[in-house]
């Protein structure tokens, strides 16, 4: 009698347990889904006053952003970069994403000297799809 009672209590305890494995599986699958489908926005590191252009076109899939401030500072991935290190940084970013394009966000007051040096560095790094960001007029 006693063994039947203990057996029934044990079965009742097992029936009251909640199996968490299926719920955890669903949570992990959702997590993976959102990570894979999320679009990651990369920023150059500073805000610039871009010039206006009547023919400005929005460029999709711009992966490598380079910002040039009005004082001539160059920023890539939220870090200030020396002009001599621009090529190496673009090469590294191109290795991460071979289909990436370079978009230069130059301030209105930035000198063309710095802009040309950044463009040359991008081409020397093997990226020939280089664009200059502008606001629509």
Protein backbone atom coordinates (compact mmCIF):
# COMPACT_ATOMS: atom_id res chain seq x y z
CA UNK A 1 0.00 0.00 0.00
CA UNK A 2 2.72 2.36 0.95
CA UNK A 3 4.64 1.76 -2.28
CA UNK A 4 1.51 2.45 -4.34
CA UNK A 5 0.98 5.73 -2.48
CA UNK A 6 4.60 6.82 -2.97
CA UNK A 7 4.42 5.77 -6.61
CA UNK A 8 1.29 7.89 -7.13
CA UNK A 9 2.89 10.90 -5.41
CA UNK A 10 5.99 10.56 -7.57
CA UNK A 11 3.90 10.36 -10.74
CA UNK A 12 1.91 13.42 -9.64
CA UNK A 13 5.12 15.41 -9.03
CA UNK A 14 6.46 14.43 -12.45
CA UNK A 15 3.19 15.51 -14.06
CA UNK A 16 3.40 18.93 -12.38
CA UNK A 17 6.90 19.70 -13.72
CA UNK A 18 7.03 22.04 -16.67
CA UNK A 19 9.36 21.05 -19.46
CA UNK A 20 11.27 24.23 -20.40
CA UNK A 21 13.26 22.75 -23.28
CA UNK A 22 10.76 23.50 -26.10
CA UNK A 23 10.30 27.08 -24.91
CA UNK A 24 14.06 27.65 -24.77
CA UNK A 25 14.40 26.21 -28.27
CA UNK A 26 11.84 28.66 -29.59
CA UNK A 27 13.52 31.60 -27.85
CA UNK A 28 16.92 30.70 -29.30
CA UNK A 29 15.48 30.26 -32.78
CA UNK A 30 13.83 33.70 -32.55
CA UNK A 31 17.07 35.22 -31.32
CA UNK A 32 18.99 33.75 -34.23
CA UNK A 33 16.29 34.94 -36.66
CA UNK A 34 16.44 38.53 -35.42
CA UNK A 35 20.23 38.63 -35.42
CA UNK A 36 20.45 37.34 -38.97
CA UNK A 37 17.75 39.61 -40.36
CA UNK A 38 18.80 42.78 -38.53
CA UNK A 39 20.41 45.42 -40.67
CA UNK A 40 23.41 46.89 -39.00
CA UNK A 41 23.97 50.60 -39.54
CA UNK A 42 27.56 51.68 -39.62
CA UNK A 43 28.51 55.24 -38.92
CA UNK A 44 31.62 57.15 -39.77
CA UNK A 45 31.86 58.78 -36.37
CA UNK A 46 30.99 62.46 -36.80
CA UNK A 47 28.19 64.54 -38.24
CA UNK A 48 29.14 66.65 -41.24
CA UNK A 49 27.35 69.41 -43.15
CA UNK A 50 27.17 67.84 -46.57
CA UNK A 51 26.89 70.00 -49.64
CA UNK A 52 23.66 69.99 -51.61
CA UNK A 53 23.37 68.52 -55.09
CA UNK A 54 20.40 68.52 -57.44
CA UNK A 55 21.39 65.09 -58.79
CA UNK A 56 21.99 63.43 -55.42
CA UNK A 57 20.86 59.80 -55.38
CA UNK A 58 20.48 57.61 -52.31
CA UNK A 59 22.99 54.78 -52.43
CA UNK A 60 21.95 51.46 -50.97
CA UNK A 61 24.50 49.10 -49.43
CA UNK A 62 27.16 51.64 -48.60
CA UNK A 63 29.30 49.63 -46.22
CA UNK A 64 32.45 51.67 -45.77
CA UNK A 65 31.79 55.20 -44.56
CA UNK A 66 34.58 57.76 -44.32
CA UNK A 67 33.84 61.19 -42.84
CA UNK A 68 35.93 64.31 -43.36
CA UNK A 69 35.30 67.17 -40.93
CA UNK A 70 35.55 70.87 -41.73
CA UNK A 71 39.00 70.91 -40.10
CA UNK A 72 40.27 68.02 -42.25
CA UNK A 73 39.97 65.25 -39.67
CA UNK A 74 39.23 61.81 -41.11
CA UNK A 75 36.92 59.43 -39.24
CA UNK A 76 36.28 55.73 -39.97
CA UNK A 77 34.17 53.50 -37.67
CA UNK A 78 33.89 56.20 -35.00
CA UNK A 79 37.68 56.52 -34.79
CA UNK A 80 39.85 59.39 -35.91
CA UNK A 81 42.30 58.13 -38.53
CA UNK A 82 45.47 59.67 -39.90
CA UNK A 83 45.47 60.23 -43.66
CA UNK A 84 48.33 57.71 -44.00
CA UNK A 85 46.25 54.98 -42.33
CA UNK A 86 43.13 55.40 -44.48
CA UNK A 87 44.23 52.83 -47.06
CA UNK A 88 44.96 50.16 -44.42
CA UNK A 89 41.59 50.76 -42.72
CA UNK A 90 39.69 50.51 -46.00
CA UNK A 91 41.60 47.34 -46.92
CA UNK A 92 40.60 45.79 -43.58
CA UNK A 93 36.94 46.77 -44.03
CA UNK A 94 36.98 45.51 -47.62
CA UNK A 95 38.34 42.16 -46.41
CA UNK A 96 35.35 41.91 -44.04
CA UNK A 97 32.91 42.72 -46.85
CA UNK A 98 34.35 42.27 -50.37
CA UNK A 99 31.20 43.73 -51.99
CA UNK A 100 31.42 46.92 -49.92
CA UNK A 101 31.51 50.36 -51.46
CA UNK A 102 33.11 53.50 -50.06
CA UNK A 103 31.03 56.61 -49.36
CA UNK A 104 32.93 59.73 -48.37
CA UNK A 105 30.95 62.14 -46.21
CA UNK A 106 32.89 65.37 -46.61
CA UNK A 107 31.88 68.57 -44.86
CA UNK A 108 31.08 71.61 -47.02
CA UNK A 109 34.15 73.36 -45.67
CA UNK A 110 36.54 70.41 -46.04
CA UNK A 111 39.39 70.98 -48.47
CA UNK A 112 39.51 69.08 -51.72
CA UNK A 113 43.09 68.12 -50.87
CA UNK A 114 41.95 65.81 -48.06
CA UNK A 115 39.04 64.54 -50.18
CA UNK A 116 41.37 63.59 -53.05
CA UNK A 117 43.79 61.86 -50.64
CA UNK A 118 40.94 59.76 -49.20
CA UNK A 119 39.69 58.87 -52.69
CA UNK A 120 43.21 57.86 -53.76
CA UNK A 121 43.59 55.74 -50.63
CA UNK A 122 40.29 53.99 -51.34
CA UNK A 123 41.32 53.20 -54.90
CA UNK A 124 44.76 52.05 -53.74
CA UNK A 125 42.95 49.71 -51.34
CA UNK A 126 41.18 48.15 -54.31
CA UNK A 127 37.77 49.83 -53.97
CA UNK A 128 36.83 51.58 -57.21
CA UNK A 129 33.19 52.24 -56.32
CA UNK A 130 33.74 55.48 -54.41
CA UNK A 131 30.92 57.98 -53.89
CA UNK A 132 30.70 61.39 -52.25
CA UNK A 133 27.71 62.01 -50.00
CA UNK A 134 25.49 65.02 -50.64
CA UNK A 135 22.09 66.23 -49.50
CA UNK A 136 19.29 66.54 -52.01
CA UNK A 137 18.73 70.13 -53.12
